[in-house]
Amino acid sequence: MSSNKDLPTYDENESKFMRKAKESPFVPIGMAGCAAVVAFGLWRLKSRGDTKMSVHLIHMRVGAQGFIVGAMTLGVIYSMYKQYLAPKDPGKDSK
């Protein structure tokens, strides 16, 4: 059996989602953007005209996936900037 020291510890006052959002802030942005694209697509569903349902759903899926891929790309660029290009405090490493 595994011991309790192998399990991750969480701060009682902070949810796992909020902790992950602080580590990578573009994940909640991507989730919100995906939800916004889906909500907009559902709103436009009533006035789609002669467009087939399958074509409308495919366009909505492509838009949501594009937003998520864009958010992931910005997140990777941001983390690479923080890790490699951001000025580092030399006094912080001496501890």
N, C-alpha and C. Protein backbone atom coordinates (compact mmCIF):
# COMPACT_ATOMS: atom_id res chain seq x y z
N MET A 1 0.84 -1.19 0.00
CA MET A 1 0.00 0.00 0.00
C MET A 1 0.88 1.24 0.00
N SER A 2 0.39 2.27 -0.58
CA SER A 2 1.13 3.53 -0.62
C SER A 2 0.84 4.34 0.64
N SER A 3 1.79 5.13 1.01
CA SER A 3 1.62 5.96 2.19
C SER A 3 1.01 7.29 1.80
N ASN A 4 0.59 8.06 2.79
CA ASN A 4 -0.03 9.36 2.54
C ASN A 4 0.97 10.39 2.05
N LYS A 5 2.26 10.16 2.24
CA LYS A 5 3.24 11.14 1.80
C LYS A 5 3.39 11.16 0.27
N ASP A 6 2.89 10.12 -0.41
CA ASP A 6 2.94 10.09 -1.87
C ASP A 6 1.83 10.93 -2.50
N LEU A 7 0.78 11.22 -1.76
CA LEU A 7 -0.34 11.97 -2.29
C LEU A 7 -0.02 13.46 -2.31
N PRO A 8 -0.49 14.17 -3.32
CA PRO A 8 -0.24 15.62 -3.35
C PRO A 8 -1.01 16.31 -2.24
N THR A 9 -0.41 17.35 -1.70
CA THR A 9 -1.08 18.10 -0.65
C THR A 9 -1.65 19.38 -1.25
N TYR A 10 -2.84 19.72 -0.82
CA TYR A 10 -3.51 20.91 -1.31
C TYR A 10 -3.78 21.84 -0.15
N ASP A 11 -3.65 23.12 -0.44
CA ASP A 11 -4.00 24.12 0.55
C ASP A 11 -5.51 24.10 0.73
N GLU A 12 -5.97 24.11 1.94
CA GLU A 12 -7.40 24.02 2.22
C GLU A 12 -8.17 25.23 1.70
N ASN A 13 -7.53 26.38 1.64
CA ASN A 13 -8.22 27.60 1.24
C ASN A 13 -8.19 27.84 -0.27
N GLU A 14 -7.47 27.02 -1.00
CA GLU A 14 -7.30 27.25 -2.43
C GLU A 14 -7.70 25.99 -3.20
N SER A 15 -8.58 26.15 -4.17
CA SER A 15 -9.02 25.00 -4.94
C SER A 15 -7.94 24.59 -5.94
N LYS A 16 -8.05 23.37 -6.43
CA LYS A 16 -7.08 22.87 -7.38
C LYS A 16 -7.14 23.68 -8.68
N PHE A 17 -8.36 24.07 -9.09
CA PHE A 17 -8.52 24.85 -10.31
C PHE A 17 -7.81 26.20 -10.19
N MET A 18 -7.97 26.87 -9.06
CA MET A 18 -7.34 28.18 -8.89
C MET A 18 -5.82 28.06 -8.86
N ARG A 19 -5.31 26.99 -8.26
CA ARG A 19 -3.87 26.78 -8.21
C ARG A 19 -3.33 26.53 -9.62
N LYS A 20 -4.03 25.72 -10.39
CA LYS A 20 -3.61 25.45 -11.76
C LYS A 20 -3.74 26.70 -12.63
N ALA A 21 -4.75 27.53 -12.36
CA ALA A 21 -4.93 28.76 -13.13
C ALA A 21 -3.78 29.73 -12.87
N LYS A 22 -3.24 29.73 -11.66
CA LYS A 22 -2.09 30.59 -11.38
C LYS A 22 -0.84 30.07 -12.06
N GLU A 23 -0.70 28.73 -12.15
CA GLU A 23 0.48 28.15 -12.79
C GLU A 23 0.46 28.38 -14.30
N SER A 24 -0.70 28.22 -14.91
CA SER A 24 -0.82 28.43 -16.36
C SER A 24 -2.11 29.19 -16.63
N PRO A 25 -2.01 30.52 -16.72
CA PRO A 25 -3.21 31.36 -16.80
C PRO A 25 -3.97 31.25 -18.12
N PHE A 26 -3.39 30.65 -19.14
CA PHE A 26 -4.09 30.59 -20.42
C PHE A 26 -5.07 29.41 -20.50
N VAL A 27 -5.02 28.49 -19.56
CA VAL A 27 -5.98 27.37 -19.56
C VAL A 27 -7.40 27.88 -19.28
N PRO A 28 -7.63 28.68 -18.23
CA PRO A 28 -8.99 29.19 -18.04
C PRO A 28 -9.43 30.12 -19.17
N ILE A 29 -8.49 30.84 -19.78
CA ILE A 29 -8.84 31.69 -20.91
C ILE A 29 -9.31 30.83 -22.08
N GLY A 30 -8.62 29.72 -22.33
CA GLY A 30 -9.03 28.81 -23.39
C GLY A 30 -10.37 28.17 -23.11
N MET A 31 -10.61 27.80 -21.86
CA MET A 31 -11.89 27.21 -21.49
C MET A 31 -13.02 28.21 -21.65
N ALA A 32 -12.79 29.45 -21.23
CA ALA A 32 -13.82 30.48 -21.37
C ALA A 32 -14.07 30.80 -22.83
N GLY A 33 -13.02 30.85 -23.63
CA GLY A 33 -13.19 31.11 -25.05
C GLY A 33 -13.95 30.00 -25.75
N CYS A 34 -13.66 28.76 -25.39
CA CYS A 34 -14.39 27.62 -25.96
C CYS A 34 -15.87 27.71 -25.60
N ALA A 35 -16.16 28.01 -24.35
CA ALA A 35 -17.55 28.14 -23.92
C ALA A 35 -18.23 29.30 -24.65
N ALA A 36 -17.50 30.39 -24.88
CA ALA A 36 -18.07 31.53 -25.59
C ALA A 36 -18.38 31.18 -27.05
N VAL A 37 -17.47 30.45 -27.70
CA VAL A 37 -17.70 30.05 -29.09
C VAL A 37 -18.90 29.12 -29.18
N VAL A 38 -19.01 28.18 -28.24
CA VAL A 38 -20.16 27.26 -28.24
C VAL A 38 -21.45 28.02 -27.97
N ALA A 39 -21.43 28.95 -27.03
CA ALA A 39 -22.64 29.73 -26.74
C ALA A 39 -23.04 30.57 -27.94
N PHE A 40 -22.06 31.18 -28.61
CA PHE A 40 -22.36 31.96 -29.81
C PHE A 40 -22.92 31.07 -30.92
N GLY A 41 -22.35 29.88 -31.06
CA GLY A 41 -22.84 28.95 -32.07
C GLY A 41 -24.26 28.50 -31.79
N LEU A 42 -24.57 28.27 -30.53
CA LEU A 42 -25.94 27.89 -30.18
C LEU A 42 -26.90 29.04 -30.40
N TRP A 43 -26.44 30.26 -30.14
CA TRP A 43 -27.28 31.43 -30.37
C TRP A 43 -27.54 31.61 -31.86
N ARG A 44 -26.51 31.37 -32.69
CA ARG A 44 -26.65 31.50 -34.14
C ARG A 44 -27.42 30.33 -34.76
N LEU A 45 -27.63 29.28 -34.00
CA LEU A 45 -28.31 28.10 -34.51
C LEU A 45 -29.73 28.42 -34.97
N LYS A 46 -30.38 29.33 -34.29
CA LYS A 46 -31.76 29.63 -34.65
C LYS A 46 -31.88 30.44 -35.94
N SER A 47 -30.81 31.11 -36.35
CA SER A 47 -30.88 31.92 -37.57
C SER A 47 -29.87 31.44 -38.60
N ARG A 48 -29.69 30.14 -38.73
CA ARG A 48 -28.68 29.62 -39.66
C ARG A 48 -29.17 29.59 -41.09
N GLY A 49 -30.46 29.75 -41.32
CA GLY A 49 -30.99 29.79 -42.68
C GLY A 49 -30.98 28.42 -43.34
N ASP A 50 -30.44 28.35 -44.56
CA ASP A 50 -30.43 27.10 -45.33
C ASP A 50 -29.24 26.21 -45.02
N THR A 51 -28.38 26.62 -44.11
CA THR A 51 -27.19 25.84 -43.78
C THR A 51 -27.59 24.55 -43.08
N LYS A 52 -26.98 23.45 -43.49
CA LYS A 52 -27.27 22.17 -42.85
C LYS A 52 -26.76 22.20 -41.41
N MET A 53 -27.42 21.41 -40.58
CA MET A 53 -27.03 21.33 -39.17
C MET A 53 -25.60 20.82 -39.02
N SER A 54 -25.22 19.81 -39.79
CA SER A 54 -23.88 19.24 -39.67
C SER A 54 -22.81 20.27 -40.02
N VAL A 55 -23.05 21.08 -41.04
CA VAL A 55 -22.07 22.11 -41.42
C VAL A 55 -21.95 23.16 -40.32
N HIS A 56 -23.08 23.53 -39.76
CA HIS A 56 -23.06 24.51 -38.67
C HIS A 56 -22.28 23.97 -37.47
N LEU A 57 -22.51 22.72 -37.11
CA LEU A 57 -21.81 22.12 -35.97
C LEU A 57 -20.31 21.97 -36.24
N ILE A 58 -19.96 21.64 -37.48
CA ILE A 58 -18.54 21.53 -37.82
C ILE A 58 -17.86 22.89 -37.70
N HIS A 59 -18.51 23.93 -38.18
CA HIS A 59 -17.93 25.29 -38.07
C HIS A 59 -17.78 25.69 -36.61
N MET A 60 -18.76 25.34 -35.79
CA MET A 60 -18.69 25.67 -34.37
C MET A 60 -17.54 24.90 -33.69
N ARG A 61 -17.37 23.63 -34.06
CA ARG A 61 -16.29 22.83 -33.48
C ARG A 61 -14.93 23.37 -33.89
N VAL A 62 -14.79 23.74 -35.16
CA VAL A 62 -13.51 24.28 -35.64
C VAL A 62 -13.19 25.60 -34.94
N GLY A 63 -14.20 26.44 -34.75
CA GLY A 63 -13.97 27.70 -34.04
C GLY A 63 -13.55 27.48 -32.59
N ALA A 64 -14.20 26.54 -31.91
CA ALA A 64 -13.84 26.26 -30.51
C ALA A 64 -12.44 25.67 -30.42
N GLN A 65 -12.13 24.73 -31.31
CA GLN A 65 -10.80 24.13 -31.29
C GLN A 65 -9.72 25.16 -31.65
N GLY A 66 -10.02 26.05 -32.57
CA GLY A 66 -9.06 27.09 -32.93
C GLY A 66 -8.77 28.01 -31.76
N PHE A 67 -9.80 28.34 -31.00
CA PHE A 67 -9.58 29.20 -29.84
C PHE A 67 -8.72 28.49 -28.81
N ILE A 68 -8.97 27.21 -28.58
CA ILE A 68 -8.19 26.45 -27.59
C ILE A 68 -6.73 26.32 -28.04
N VAL A 69 -6.52 26.01 -29.32
CA VAL A 69 -5.14 25.89 -29.82
C VAL A 69 -4.42 27.23 -29.72
N GLY A 70 -5.11 28.31 -30.02
CA GLY A 70 -4.50 29.63 -29.88
C GLY A 70 -4.14 29.94 -28.43
N ALA A 71 -5.02 29.60 -27.50
CA ALA A 71 -4.72 29.83 -26.09
C ALA A 71 -3.56 28.97 -25.62
N MET A 72 -3.50 27.73 -26.09
CA MET A 72 -2.38 26.86 -25.72
C MET A 72 -1.06 27.39 -26.28
N THR A 73 -1.10 27.89 -27.51
CA THR A 73 0.10 28.44 -28.12
C THR A 73 0.58 29.66 -27.36
N LEU A 74 -0.33 30.55 -27.01
CA LEU A 74 0.05 31.72 -26.22
C LEU A 74 0.59 31.31 -24.85
N GLY A 75 0.00 30.27 -24.25
CA GLY A 75 0.49 29.79 -22.96
C GLY A 75 1.90 29.24 -23.04
N VAL A 76 2.20 28.50 -24.11
CA VAL A 76 3.55 27.97 -24.28
C VAL A 76 4.55 29.10 -24.51
N ILE A 77 4.17 30.07 -25.33
CA ILE A 77 5.05 31.21 -25.57
C ILE A 77 5.29 31.99 -24.28
N TYR A 78 4.24 32.18 -23.49
CA TYR A 78 4.37 32.89 -22.22
C TYR A 78 5.29 32.13 -21.25
N SER A 79 5.12 30.81 -21.16
CA SER A 79 5.97 30.05 -20.24
C SER A 79 7.41 30.02 -20.72
N MET A 80 7.63 29.97 -22.05
CA MET A 80 9.00 30.02 -22.56
C MET A 80 9.63 31.38 -22.28
N TYR A 81 8.84 32.45 -22.39
CA TYR A 81 9.35 33.78 -22.07
C TYR A 81 9.75 33.85 -20.60
N LYS A 82 8.86 33.35 -19.73
CA LYS A 82 9.18 33.40 -18.29
C LYS A 82 10.42 32.59 -17.96
N GLN A 83 10.59 31.46 -18.64
CA GLN A 83 11.70 30.57 -18.30
C GLN A 83 13.02 31.02 -18.91
N TYR A 84 13.01 31.51 -20.14
CA TYR A 84 14.25 31.78 -20.84
C TYR A 84 14.59 33.25 -21.04
N LEU A 85 13.59 34.10 -21.24
CA LEU A 85 13.88 35.47 -21.63
C LEU A 85 13.65 36.50 -20.53
N ALA A 86 12.80 36.20 -19.57
CA ALA A 86 12.50 37.17 -18.53
C ALA A 86 13.74 37.42 -17.69
N PRO A 87 13.97 38.66 -17.30
CA PRO A 87 15.13 38.94 -16.46
C PRO A 87 14.98 38.25 -15.11
N LYS A 88 16.04 37.59 -14.70
CA LYS A 88 16.04 36.86 -13.44
C LYS A 88 16.73 37.70 -12.37
N ASP A 89 16.23 37.56 -11.17
CA ASP A 89 16.81 38.27 -10.03
C ASP A 89 18.04 37.48 -9.55
N PRO A 90 19.26 38.06 -9.67
CA PRO A 90 20.45 37.30 -9.28
C PRO A 90 20.50 37.01 -7.78
N GLY A 91 19.88 37.83 -6.96
CA GLY A 91 19.88 37.60 -5.52
C GLY A 91 18.99 36.45 -5.11
N LYS A 92 18.06 36.10 -5.93
CA LYS A 92 17.11 35.04 -5.61
C LYS A 92 17.77 33.67 -5.67
N ASP A 93 18.73 33.47 -6.58
CA ASP A 93 19.40 32.18 -6.74
C ASP A 93 20.46 31.93 -5.69
N SER A 94 20.93 32.97 -4.99
CA SER A 94 22.03 32.81 -4.05
C SER A 94 21.60 32.22 -2.72
N LYS A 95 20.28 32.06 -2.50
CA LYS A 95 19.81 31.52 -1.21
C LYS A 95 20.02 30.04 -1.12
